């Protein structure tokens, strides 16, 4: 979830496709939402293992308007849905591939990890991505982005994040361009984009957000904010107009400074805070009350939640 990066592209067909990426027109969509909008965070991740097809299907059943995917890239250049840069927290990779661990610096912390980009898709597909959450989900697999789209398409929008792009530094990976190619493959951007499957991209990486604007990605982009630093005045928010179409701030940023919403709206940009979950509601009586306050009192446009079934619609 931070900064631009780079993918090995050896296929002549893919190179030709990338050559067309920069020719697409810019789509300026400040009003991405037609109503208060529910984004299922990693799917219905309070009830099923995050970023599995089970979590995505349940999110749709629970009424999600958008379903989020965090994107990582395999060694053979395939986009997969995985929150962490590495595989050990949510799979049994340590058991199946004990010798494939390496020292990695991820989000500023150096540790031993099984980096997803060091494994092929075939290897990742051997992993159990469900048992860590509950044994009843044993043998759930890490889905590809293609598989996620197939499940969600026509039923909800997709909200992919370009996750931890900095880990690909020096690996010749072009993350932003790879996402553009995937969207084109599925007809999800451009003048003939599927209206039943809207797309919003997100990233913590300011350089990555600027790169998406440079290549004229043609779908709305939300800049994620973990800290208010650099976004503490209306002018600082306005400086991003034309680069991104919205912001995804940590919810505490909005709670401490409700004017942030007004500043963004004044520039035609949306606000989609994260993350609302029943296990962390602060001073609110429950997660529904918390979401209600953000949506209808503070005026945010949408929000990310682990509990799609608790979303307050009016």
C-alpha atoms as a PDB file:
ATOM      1  CA  UNK A   1       0.000   0.000   0.000  1.00  0.00           C
ATOM      2  CA  UNK A   2       2.634   2.673  -0.744  1.00  0.00           C
ATOM      3  CA  UNK A   3       4.730   4.118  -3.719  1.00  0.00           C
ATOM      4  CA  UNK A   4       5.323   3.124  -7.405  1.00  0.00           C
ATOM      5  CA  UNK A   5       6.966   0.000  -8.688  1.00  0.00           C
ATOM      6  CA  UNK A   6       7.888  -2.115 -11.534  1.00  0.00           C
ATOM      7  CA  UNK A   7       6.790  -6.088 -13.648  1.00  0.00           C
ATOM      8  CA  UNK A   8       8.808  -8.119 -15.970  1.00  0.00           C
ATOM      9  CA  UNK A   9       7.030  -8.014 -19.321  1.00  0.00           C
ATOM     10  CA  UNK A  10       8.393 -10.335 -21.941  1.00  0.00           C
ATOM     11  CA  UNK A  11       5.251 -11.046 -23.967  1.00  0.00           C
ATOM     12  CA  UNK A  12       5.119  -9.051 -27.239  1.00  0.00           C
ATOM     13  CA  UNK A  13       1.308  -9.014 -26.982  1.00  0.00           C
ATOM     14  CA  UNK A  14       1.437  -7.507 -23.501  1.00  0.00           C
ATOM     15  CA  UNK A  15       3.994  -4.935 -24.634  1.00  0.00           C
ATOM     16  CA  UNK A  16       1.690  -3.951 -27.454  1.00  0.00           C
ATOM     17  CA  UNK A  17      -1.214  -3.618 -25.050  1.00  0.00           C
ATOM     18  CA  UNK A  18       0.833  -1.429 -22.734  1.00  0.00           C
ATOM     19  CA  UNK A  19       1.730   0.810 -25.634  1.00  0.00           C
ATOM     20  CA  UNK A  20      -1.976   1.652 -25.949  1.00  0.00           C
ATOM     21  CA  UNK A  21      -2.457   2.386 -22.258  1.00  0.00           C
ATOM     22  CA  UNK A  22      -1.338   5.998 -22.527  1.00  0.00           C
ATOM     23  CA  UNK A  23      -3.776   6.655 -25.378  1.00  0.00           C
ATOM     24  CA  UNK A  24      -6.907   6.234 -23.264  1.00  0.00           C
ATOM     25  CA  UNK A  25      -8.744   9.428 -22.316  1.00  0.00           C
ATOM     26  CA  UNK A  26      -8.852  10.682 -18.767  1.00  0.00           C
ATOM     27  CA  UNK A  27     -12.145  10.049 -17.000  1.00  0.00           C
ATOM     28  CA  UNK A  28     -12.826  12.690 -14.398  1.00  0.00           C
ATOM     29  CA  UNK A  29     -15.318  11.159 -12.003  1.00  0.00           C
ATOM     30  CA  UNK A  30     -15.669  13.097  -8.799  1.00  0.00           C
ATOM     31  CA  UNK A  31     -19.148  11.729  -8.069  1.00  0.00           C
ATOM     32  CA  UNK A  32     -18.291   8.029  -8.018  1.00  0.00           C
ATOM     33  CA  UNK A  33     -21.168   7.267  -5.675  1.00  0.00           C
ATOM     34  CA  UNK A  34     -24.873   7.804  -6.275  1.00  0.00           C
ATOM     35  CA  UNK A  35     -25.765   7.028  -2.642  1.00  0.00           C
ATOM     36  CA  UNK A  36     -24.126   6.293   0.682  1.00  0.00           C
ATOM     37  CA  UNK A  37     -21.946   3.386  -0.346  1.00  0.00           C
ATOM     38  CA  UNK A  38     -20.850   0.157   1.315  1.00  0.00           C
ATOM     39  CA  UNK A  39     -17.385  -1.176   0.467  1.00  0.00           C
ATOM     40  CA  UNK A  40     -16.786  -4.698   1.793  1.00  0.00           C
ATOM     41  CA  UNK A  41     -13.283  -4.602   3.269  1.00  0.00           C
ATOM     42  CA  UNK A  42     -11.392  -7.656   1.966  1.00  0.00           C
ATOM     43  CA  UNK A  43     -14.855  -9.112   1.370  1.00  0.00           C
ATOM     44  CA  UNK A  44     -17.102  -9.944   4.313  1.00  0.00           C
ATOM     45  CA  UNK A  45     -13.930 -10.413   6.318  1.00  0.00           C
ATOM     46  CA  UNK A  46     -15.582 -10.559   9.750  1.00  0.00           C
ATOM     47  CA  UNK A  47     -17.257 -13.811   8.736  1.00  0.00           C
ATOM     48  CA  UNK A  48     -14.997 -15.500   6.177  1.00  0.00           C
ATOM     49  CA  UNK A  49     -11.243 -15.532   5.509  1.00  0.00           C
ATOM     50  CA  UNK A  50     -10.197 -12.257   3.915  1.00  0.00           C
ATOM     51  CA  UNK A  51      -9.597 -12.165   0.176  1.00  0.00           C
ATOM     52  CA  UNK A  52     -11.108 -15.541  -0.600  1.00  0.00           C
ATOM     53  CA  UNK A  53     -13.940 -16.208  -2.995  1.00  0.00           C
ATOM     54  CA  UNK A  54     -16.076 -17.185  -0.001  1.00  0.00           C
ATOM     55  CA  UNK A  55     -15.551 -13.740   1.538  1.00  0.00           C
ATOM     56  CA  UNK A  56     -16.375 -12.018  -1.746  1.00  0.00           C
ATOM     57  CA  UNK A  57     -19.537 -14.058  -2.327  1.00  0.00           C
ATOM     58  CA  UNK A  58     -20.753 -13.441   1.222  1.00  0.00           C
ATOM     59  CA  UNK A  59     -20.114  -9.707   0.860  1.00  0.00           C
ATOM     60  CA  UNK A  60     -22.383  -9.651  -2.177  1.00  0.00           C
ATOM     61  CA  UNK A  61     -25.057 -11.626  -0.307  1.00  0.00           C
ATOM     62  CA  UNK A  62     -24.844  -9.060   2.504  1.00  0.00           C
ATOM     63  CA  UNK A  63     -25.479  -6.176   0.112  1.00  0.00           C
ATOM     64  CA  UNK A  64     -22.043  -4.766  -0.681  1.00  0.00           C
ATOM     65  CA  UNK A  65     -22.016  -2.010  -3.302  1.00  0.00           C
ATOM     66  CA  UNK A  66     -18.290  -2.542  -3.872  1.00  0.00           C
ATOM     67  CA  UNK A  67     -15.984  -5.403  -2.892  1.00  0.00           C
ATOM     68  CA  UNK A  68     -12.360  -4.589  -2.121  1.00  0.00           C
ATOM     69  CA  UNK A  69      -9.345  -6.500  -3.437  1.00  0.00           C
ATOM     70  CA  UNK A  70      -5.762  -5.928  -2.304  1.00  0.00           C
ATOM     71  CA  UNK A  71      -3.493  -6.774  -5.216  1.00  0.00           C
ATOM     72  CA  UNK A  72      -0.106  -8.477  -5.181  1.00  0.00           C
ATOM     73  CA  UNK A  73       1.962  -9.843  -8.054  1.00  0.00           C
ATOM     74  CA  UNK A  74       3.318 -13.385  -8.376  1.00  0.00           C
ATOM     75  CA  UNK A  75       6.785 -14.201  -9.655  1.00  0.00           C
ATOM     76  CA  UNK A  76       5.273 -15.029 -13.042  1.00  0.00           C
ATOM     77  CA  UNK A  77       3.447 -11.714 -13.274  1.00  0.00           C
ATOM     78  CA  UNK A  78      -0.101 -12.627 -12.233  1.00  0.00           C
ATOM     79  CA  UNK A  79      -2.255 -10.319 -10.124  1.00  0.00           C
ATOM     80  CA  UNK A  80      -3.572 -12.074  -7.024  1.00  0.00           C
ATOM     81  CA  UNK A  81      -5.771 -10.916  -4.134  1.00  0.00           C
ATOM     82  CA  UNK A  82      -3.707 -10.780  -0.940  1.00  0.00           C
ATOM     83  CA  UNK A  83      -3.623  -8.175   1.797  1.00  0.00           C
ATOM     84  CA  UNK A  84      -0.069  -8.715   2.998  1.00  0.00           C
ATOM     85  CA  UNK A  85       3.007  -8.551   0.824  1.00  0.00           C
ATOM     86  CA  UNK A  86       3.899 -11.968   2.188  1.00  0.00           C
ATOM     87  CA  UNK A  87       1.992 -15.213   2.528  1.00  0.00           C
ATOM     88  CA  UNK A  88       2.631 -16.530   6.029  1.00  0.00           C
ATOM     89  CA  UNK A  89      -0.146 -14.804   8.019  1.00  0.00           C
ATOM     90  CA  UNK A  90      -3.055 -16.155   5.966  1.00  0.00           C
ATOM     91  CA  UNK A  91      -1.724 -19.376   4.404  1.00  0.00           C
ATOM     92  CA  UNK A  92       0.261 -22.488   5.320  1.00  0.00           C
ATOM     93  CA  UNK A  93       3.253 -21.429   3.216  1.00  0.00           C
ATOM     94  CA  UNK A  94       5.659 -22.004   6.128  1.00  0.00           C
ATOM     95  CA  UNK A  95       4.611 -25.656   6.254  1.00  0.00           C
ATOM     96  CA  UNK A  96       4.728 -26.324   2.509  1.00  0.00           C
ATOM     97  CA  UNK A  97       7.734 -24.173   1.599  1.00  0.00           C
ATOM     98  CA  UNK A  98       9.882 -23.900   4.754  1.00  0.00           C
ATOM     99  CA  UNK A  99      13.060 -23.157   2.820  1.00  0.00           C
ATOM    100  CA  UNK A 100      11.678 -20.263   0.784  1.00  0.00           C
ATOM    101  CA  UNK A 101      11.787 -17.648   3.539  1.00  0.00           C
ATOM    102  CA  UNK A 102      13.859 -14.496   3.053  1.00  0.00           C
ATOM    103  CA  UNK A 103      14.666 -11.280   4.870  1.00  0.00           C
ATOM    104  CA  UNK A 104      12.401  -8.469   3.679  1.00  0.00           C
ATOM    105  CA  UNK A 105      11.732  -4.874   4.652  1.00  0.00           C
ATOM    106  CA  UNK A 106       7.975  -4.372   4.408  1.00  0.00           C
ATOM    107  CA  UNK A 107       6.311  -1.094   5.397  1.00  0.00           C
ATOM    108  CA  UNK A 108       9.470  -0.039   7.203  1.00  0.00           C
ATOM    109  CA  UNK A 109       9.952  -3.246   9.205  1.00  0.00           C
ATOM    110  CA  UNK A 110      12.641  -5.816   8.437  1.00  0.00           C
ATOM    111  CA  UNK A 111      11.631  -9.411   9.120  1.00  0.00           C
ATOM    112  CA  UNK A 112      11.640 -12.941   7.772  1.00  0.00           C
ATOM    113  CA  UNK A 113       8.883 -13.395   5.221  1.00  0.00           C
ATOM    114  CA  UNK A 114       7.567 -15.552   2.383  1.00  0.00           C
ATOM    115  CA  UNK A 115       7.147 -12.788  -0.193  1.00  0.00           C
ATOM    116  CA  UNK A 116       4.322 -13.487  -2.652  1.00  0.00           C
ATOM    117  CA  UNK A 117       6.425 -12.150  -5.513  1.00  0.00           C
ATOM    118  CA  UNK A 118       8.937 -14.959  -4.922  1.00  0.00           C
ATOM    119  CA  UNK A 119       6.314 -17.628  -5.730  1.00  0.00           C
ATOM    120  CA  UNK A 120       4.645 -18.632  -8.977  1.00  0.00           C
ATOM    121  CA  UNK A 121       0.875 -18.739  -9.238  1.00  0.00           C
ATOM    122  CA  UNK A 122       0.998 -22.544  -9.426  1.00  0.00           C
ATOM    123  CA  UNK A 123       2.883 -22.650  -6.119  1.00  0.00           C
ATOM    124  CA  UNK A 124       0.515 -20.192  -4.436  1.00  0.00           C
ATOM    125  CA  UNK A 125      -2.475 -22.233  -5.593  1.00  0.00           C
ATOM    126  CA  UNK A 126      -1.221 -25.188  -3.513  1.00  0.00           C
ATOM    127  CA  UNK A 127      -1.663 -23.159  -0.309  1.00  0.00           C
ATOM    128  CA  UNK A 128      -4.560 -23.324   2.149  1.00  0.00           C
ATOM    129  CA  UNK A 129      -5.823 -19.751   2.587  1.00  0.00           C
ATOM    130  CA  UNK A 130      -8.776 -20.553   4.847  1.00  0.00           C
ATOM    131  CA  UNK A 131      -7.784 -22.718   7.822  1.00  0.00           C
ATOM    132  CA  UNK A 132      -6.060 -19.832   9.652  1.00  0.00           C
ATOM    133  CA  UNK A 133      -9.504 -18.222  10.003  1.00  0.00           C
ATOM    134  CA  UNK A 134     -11.620 -21.311  10.687  1.00  0.00           C
ATOM    135  CA  UNK A 135     -11.159 -24.992   9.867  1.00  0.00           C
ATOM    136  CA  UNK A 136     -14.468 -24.983   8.014  1.00  0.00           C
ATOM    137  CA  UNK A 137     -12.762 -22.872   5.348  1.00  0.00           C
ATOM    138  CA  UNK A 138      -9.901 -25.357   4.881  1.00  0.00           C
ATOM    139  CA  UNK A 139      -8.491 -25.439   1.346  1.00  0.00           C
ATOM    140  CA  UNK A 140      -9.810 -22.025   0.329  1.00  0.00           C
ATOM    141  CA  UNK A 141      -7.344 -20.699  -2.228  1.00  0.00           C
ATOM    142  CA  UNK A 142      -5.718 -17.332  -2.834  1.00  0.00           C
ATOM    143  CA  UNK A 143      -7.773 -16.009  -5.771  1.00  0.00           C
ATOM    144  CA  UNK A 144      -6.395 -14.321  -8.830  1.00  0.00           C
ATOM    145  CA  UNK A 145      -7.741 -10.897  -9.726  1.00  0.00           C
ATOM    146  CA  UNK A 146      -9.368 -12.538 -12.743  1.00  0.00           C
ATOM    147  CA  UNK A 147     -11.195 -15.009 -10.485  1.00  0.00           C
ATOM    148  CA  UNK A 148     -12.352 -12.227  -8.178  1.00  0.00           C
ATOM    149  CA  UNK A 149     -13.747 -10.237 -11.091  1.00  0.00           C
ATOM    150  CA  UNK A 150     -15.589 -13.312 -12.389  1.00  0.00           C
ATOM    151  CA  UNK A 151     -17.346 -13.762  -9.020  1.00  0.00           C
ATOM    152  CA  UNK A 152     -18.187 -10.077  -8.441  1.00  0.00           C
ATOM    153  CA  UNK A 153     -18.897  -8.888 -11.972  1.00  0.00           C
ATOM    154  CA  UNK A 154     -22.433  -7.599 -12.510  1.00  0.00           C
ATOM    155  CA  UNK A 155     -23.281  -7.930  -8.824  1.00  0.00           C
ATOM    156  CA  UNK A 156     -21.141  -5.162  -7.301  1.00  0.00           C
ATOM    157  CA  UNK A 157     -18.308  -2.808  -8.107  1.00  0.00           C
ATOM    158  CA  UNK A 158     -14.653  -3.615  -7.492  1.00  0.00           C
ATOM    159  CA  UNK A 159     -12.291  -1.494  -5.404  1.00  0.00           C
ATOM    160  CA  UNK A 160      -8.739  -2.810  -5.983  1.00  0.00           C
ATOM    161  CA  UNK A 161      -5.759  -1.499  -4.037  1.00  0.00           C
ATOM    162  CA  UNK A 162      -2.257  -1.408  -5.479  1.00  0.00           C
ATOM    163  CA  UNK A 163      -0.715  -2.905  -2.372  1.00  0.00           C
ATOM    164  CA  UNK A 164       2.807  -2.217  -1.020  1.00  0.00           C
ATOM    165  CA  UNK A 165       4.223  -1.243  -4.428  1.00  0.00           C
ATOM    166  CA  UNK A 166       7.584  -0.411  -2.865  1.00  0.00           C
ATOM    167  CA  UNK A 167       8.421  -4.092  -2.365  1.00  0.00           C
ATOM    168  CA  UNK A 168       8.844  -4.516  -6.127  1.00  0.00           C
ATOM    169  CA  UNK A 169      11.640  -1.958  -6.360  1.00  0.00           C
ATOM    170  CA  UNK A 170      14.442  -3.412  -8.452  1.00  0.00           C
ATOM    171  CA  UNK A 171      12.254  -6.262  -9.703  1.00  0.00           C
ATOM    172  CA  UNK A 172      11.282  -4.651 -13.037  1.00  0.00           C
ATOM    173  CA  UNK A 173       7.575  -4.682 -12.187  1.00  0.00           C
ATOM    174  CA  UNK A 174       5.193  -2.081 -13.623  1.00  0.00           C
ATOM    175  CA  UNK A 175       2.306  -2.378 -11.210  1.00  0.00           C
ATOM    176  CA  UNK A 176       0.126   0.442 -12.530  1.00  0.00           C
ATOM    177  CA  UNK A 177       0.405  -0.694 -16.129  1.00  0.00           C
ATOM    178  CA  UNK A 178      -0.346  -4.289 -15.190  1.00  0.00           C
ATOM    179  CA  UNK A 179      -3.569  -3.189 -13.484  1.00  0.00           C
ATOM    180  CA  UNK A 180      -4.508  -1.157 -16.569  1.00  0.00           C
ATOM    181  CA  UNK A 181      -4.050  -4.212 -18.770  1.00  0.00           C
ATOM    182  CA  UNK A 182      -6.203  -6.322 -16.427  1.00  0.00           C
ATOM    183  CA  UNK A 183      -9.019  -3.766 -16.522  1.00  0.00           C
ATOM    184  CA  UNK A 184      -8.844  -3.675 -20.312  1.00  0.00           C
ATOM    185  CA  UNK A 185      -8.918  -7.458 -20.487  1.00  0.00           C
ATOM    186  CA  UNK A 186     -12.251  -7.460 -18.664  1.00  0.00           C
ATOM    187  CA  UNK A 187     -13.715  -4.366 -20.335  1.00  0.00           C
ATOM    188  CA  UNK A 188     -13.794  -2.424 -17.069  1.00  0.00           C
ATOM    189  CA  UNK A 189     -12.521   0.962 -18.233  1.00  0.00           C
ATOM    190  CA  UNK A 190     -12.964   3.228 -21.210  1.00  0.00           C
ATOM    191  CA  UNK A 191     -16.125   4.326 -23.047  1.00  0.00           C
ATOM    192  CA  UNK A 192     -17.484   0.772 -23.298  1.00  0.00           C
ATOM    193  CA  UNK A 193     -16.806  -0.177 -19.672  1.00  0.00           C
ATOM    194  CA  UNK A 194     -19.329  -2.491 -18.019  1.00  0.00           C
ATOM    195  CA  UNK A 195     -21.738  -0.143 -16.167  1.00  0.00           C
ATOM    196  CA  UNK A 196     -22.785  -2.949 -13.816  1.00  0.00           C
ATOM    197  CA  UNK A 197     -19.238  -3.345 -12.506  1.00  0.00           C
ATOM    198  CA  UNK A 198     -17.839   0.088 -11.629  1.00  0.00           C
ATOM    199  CA  UNK A 199     -14.168   0.322 -10.674  1.00  0.00           C
ATOM    200  CA  UNK A 200     -12.377   2.572  -8.190  1.00  0.00           C
ATOM    201  CA  UNK A 201      -8.651   2.111  -7.590  1.00  0.00           C
ATOM    202  CA  UNK A 202      -6.884   2.963  -4.341  1.00  0.00           C
ATOM    203  CA  UNK A 203      -3.310   3.304  -3.146  1.00  0.00           C
ATOM    204  CA  UNK A 204      -1.342   4.693  -0.215  1.00  0.00           C
ATOM    205  CA  UNK A 205       1.496   5.484  -2.600  1.00  0.00           C
ATOM    206  CA  UNK A 206       1.493   9.110  -3.640  1.00  0.00           C
ATOM    207  CA  UNK A 207       3.909   8.336  -6.459  1.00  0.00           C
ATOM    208  CA  UNK A 208       1.691   5.446  -7.530  1.00  0.00           C
ATOM    209  CA  UNK A 209      -1.365   7.744  -7.568  1.00  0.00           C
ATOM    210  CA  UNK A 210       0.534  10.219  -9.725  1.00  0.00           C
ATOM    211  CA  UNK A 211       1.600   7.425 -12.054  1.00  0.00           C
ATOM    212  CA  UNK A 212      -2.026   6.311 -12.477  1.00  0.00           C
ATOM    213  CA  UNK A 213      -2.876   9.887 -13.466  1.00  0.00           C
ATOM    214  CA  UNK A 214       0.055  10.005 -15.888  1.00  0.00           C
ATOM    215  CA  UNK A 215      -1.041   6.885 -17.750  1.00  0.00           C
ATOM    216  CA  UNK A 216      -4.618   8.167 -17.853  1.00  0.00           C
ATOM    217  CA  UNK A 217      -6.012   5.142 -16.059  1.00  0.00           C
ATOM    218  CA  UNK A 218      -9.557   6.268 -16.848  1.00  0.00           C
ATOM    219  CA  UNK A 219     -11.218   5.182 -13.578  1.00  0.00           C
ATOM    220  CA  UNK A 220     -11.464   7.057 -10.265  1.00  0.00           C
ATOM    221  CA  UNK A 221      -8.507   6.792  -7.901  1.00  0.00           C
ATOM    222  CA  UNK A 222      -8.680   7.229  -4.121  1.00  0.00           C
ATOM    223  CA  UNK A 223      -5.537   8.213  -2.240  1.00  0.00           C
ATOM    224  CA  UNK A 224      -5.374   6.343   1.063  1.00  0.00           C
ATOM    225  CA  UNK A 225      -4.179   8.247   4.128  1.00  0.00           C
ATOM    226  CA  UNK A 226      -2.854   6.652   7.286  1.00  0.00           C
ATOM    227  CA  UNK A 227      -1.905  10.015   8.805  1.00  0.00           C
ATOM    228  CA  UNK A 228      -3.225  13.566   8.490  1.00  0.00           C
ATOM    229  CA  UNK A 229       0.279  14.876   7.800  1.00  0.00           C
ATOM    230  CA  UNK A 230       0.254  16.876   4.577  1.00  0.00           C
ATOM    231  CA  UNK A 231      -3.563  17.021   4.507  1.00  0.00           C
ATOM    232  CA  UNK A 232      -4.256  19.398   7.360  1.00  0.00           C
ATOM    233  CA  UNK A 233      -5.517  22.376   5.358  1.00  0.00           C
ATOM    234  CA  UNK A 234      -8.006  22.947   2.558  1.00  0.00           C
ATOM    235  CA  UNK A 235      -5.157  24.007   0.276  1.00  0.00           C
ATOM    236  CA  UNK A 236      -3.282  20.760   0.863  1.00  0.00           C
ATOM    237  CA  UNK A 237      -6.381  18.767  -0.067  1.00  0.00           C
ATOM    238  CA  UNK A 238      -7.024  20.948  -3.112  1.00  0.00           C
ATOM    239  CA  UNK A 239      -3.489  20.284  -4.360  1.00  0.00           C
ATOM    240  CA  UNK A 240      -4.569  16.730  -5.263  1.00  0.00           C
ATOM    241  CA  UNK A 241      -7.475  17.822  -7.448  1.00  0.00           C
ATOM    242  CA  UNK A 242      -7.038  16.401 -10.932  1.00  0.00           C
ATOM    243  CA  UNK A 243      -4.621  13.733  -9.685  1.00  0.00           C
ATOM    244  CA  UNK A 244      -7.063  11.681  -7.608  1.00  0.00           C
ATOM    245  CA  UNK A 245     -10.838  11.745  -7.398  1.00  0.00           C
ATOM    246  CA  UNK A 246     -11.140  10.984  -3.712  1.00  0.00           C
ATOM    247  CA  UNK A 247      -9.478  10.071  -0.441  1.00  0.00           C
ATOM    248  CA  UNK A 248      -9.558   7.001   1.789  1.00  0.00           C
ATOM    249  CA  UNK A 249      -8.473   8.298   5.195  1.00  0.00           C
ATOM    250  CA  UNK A 250      -8.137   6.324   8.390  1.00  0.00           C
ATOM    251  CA  UNK A 251     -11.403   6.975  10.200  1.00  0.00           C
ATOM    252  CA  UNK A 252      -9.684   8.808  13.085  1.00  0.00           C
ATOM    253  CA  UNK A 253      -8.541  11.498  10.645  1.00  0.00           C
ATOM    254  CA  UNK A 254     -12.154  12.373   9.848  1.00  0.00           C
ATOM    255  CA  UNK A 255     -13.322  12.066  13.448  1.00  0.00           C
ATOM    256  CA  UNK A 256     -10.652  14.492  14.678  1.00  0.00           C
ATOM    257  CA  UNK A 257     -11.064  16.885  11.743  1.00  0.00           C
ATOM    258  CA  UNK A 258     -14.575  16.781  10.234  1.00  0.00           C
ATOM    259  CA  UNK A 259     -13.617  19.731   8.001  1.00  0.00           C
ATOM    260  CA  UNK A 260     -11.598  17.275   5.922  1.00  0.00           C
ATOM    261  CA  UNK A 261     -14.879  16.082   4.382  1.00  0.00           C
ATOM    262  CA  UNK A 262     -15.921  19.651   3.541  1.00  0.00           C
ATOM    263  CA  UNK A 263     -12.540  20.406   1.987  1.00  0.00           C
ATOM    264  CA  UNK A 264     -12.681  17.328  -0.241  1.00  0.00           C
ATOM    265  CA  UNK A 265     -16.289  17.929  -1.263  1.00  0.00           C
ATOM    266  CA  UNK A 266     -15.510  21.542  -2.131  1.00  0.00           C
ATOM    267  CA  UNK A 267     -13.120  20.209  -4.786  1.00  0.00           C
ATOM    268  CA  UNK A 268     -15.534  17.543  -6.039  1.00  0.00           C
ATOM    269  CA  UNK A 269     -13.628  14.720  -4.349  1.00  0.00           C
ATOM    270  CA  UNK A 270     -15.106  11.901  -2.286  1.00  0.00           C
ATOM    271  CA  UNK A 271     -14.199  10.604   1.178  1.00  0.00           C
ATOM    272  CA  UNK A 272     -14.222   6.863   1.982  1.00  0.00           C
ATOM    273  CA  UNK A 273     -12.752   6.199   5.450  1.00  0.00           C
ATOM    274  CA  UNK A 274     -11.508   2.865   6.793  1.00  0.00           C
ATOM    275  CA  UNK A 275     -11.979   0.455   8.612  1.00  0.00           C
ATOM    276  CA  UNK A 276     -15.280  -0.130  10.413  1.00  0.00           C
ATOM    277  CA  UNK A 277     -15.511  -3.420  12.289  1.00  0.00           C
ATOM    278  CA  UNK A 278     -17.588  -4.780  15.128  1.00  0.00           C
ATOM    279  CA  UNK A 279     -14.447  -5.541  17.142  1.00  0.00           C
ATOM    280  CA  UNK A 280     -13.310  -1.889  17.180  1.00  0.00           C
ATOM    281  CA  UNK A 281     -16.066   0.694  17.634  1.00  0.00           C
ATOM    282  CA  UNK A 282     -14.428   3.116  20.068  1.00  0.00           C
ATOM    283  CA  UNK A 283     -16.979   5.140  22.013  1.00  0.00           C
ATOM    284  CA  UNK A 284     -19.889   4.023  19.833  1.00  0.00           C
ATOM    285  CA  UNK A 285     -22.330   1.416  21.104  1.00  0.00           C
ATOM    286  CA  UNK A 286     -21.843  -0.792  18.028  1.00  0.00           C
ATOM    287  CA  UNK A 287     -20.438  -0.689  14.521  1.00  0.00           C
ATOM    288  CA  UNK A 288     -23.777   0.278  12.986  1.00  0.00           C
ATOM    289  CA  UNK A 289     -23.969   3.373  15.189  1.00  0.00           C
ATOM    290  CA  UNK A 290     -20.374   4.230  14.329  1.00  0.00           C
ATOM    291  CA  UNK A 291     -20.972   3.944  10.592  1.00  0.00           C
ATOM    292  CA  UNK A 292     -24.193   5.936  10.910  1.00  0.00           C
ATOM    293  CA  UNK A 293     -22.315   8.823  12.557  1.00  0.00           C
ATOM    294  CA  UNK A 294     -19.683   8.953   9.825  1.00  0.00           C
ATOM    295  CA  UNK A 295     -22.161   8.662   6.965  1.00  0.00           C
ATOM    296  CA  UNK A 296     -25.011  10.897   8.115  1.00  0.00           C
ATOM    297  CA  UNK A 297     -23.427  13.302  10.615  1.00  0.00           C
ATOM    298  CA  UNK A 298     -19.888  13.733   9.327  1.00  0.00           C
ATOM    299  CA  UNK A 299     -21.068  13.326   5.741  1.00  0.00           C
ATOM    300  CA  UNK A 300     -18.612  10.827   4.271  1.00  0.00           C
ATOM    301  CA  UNK A 301     -19.643   9.313   0.951  1.00  0.00           C
ATOM    302  CA  UNK A 302     -18.791   5.664   1.584  1.00  0.00           C
ATOM    303  CA  UNK A 303     -16.798   3.519   3.961  1.00  0.00           C
ATOM    304  CA  UNK A 304     -14.862   0.282   4.241  1.00  0.00           C
ATOM    305  CA  UNK A 305     -16.288  -2.292   6.651  1.00  0.00           C
ATOM    306  CA  UNK A 306     -15.599  -5.890   7.673  1.00  0.00           C
ATOM    307  CA  UNK A 307     -19.321  -6.167   8.528  1.00  0.00           C
ATOM    308  CA  UNK A 308     -21.372  -5.477   5.394  1.00  0.00           C
ATOM    309  CA  UNK A 309     -24.511  -6.783   7.115  1.00  0.00           C
ATOM    310  CA  UNK A 310     -24.303  -3.993   9.709  1.00  0.00           C
ATOM    311  CA  UNK A 311     -24.277  -1.105   7.206  1.00  0.00           C
ATOM    312  CA  UNK A 312     -26.962   1.518   8.037  1.00  0.00           C
ATOM    313  CA  UNK A 313     -29.024   2.354   4.962  1.00  0.00           C
ATOM    314  CA  UNK A 314     -31.589   5.157   5.024  1.00  0.00           C
END
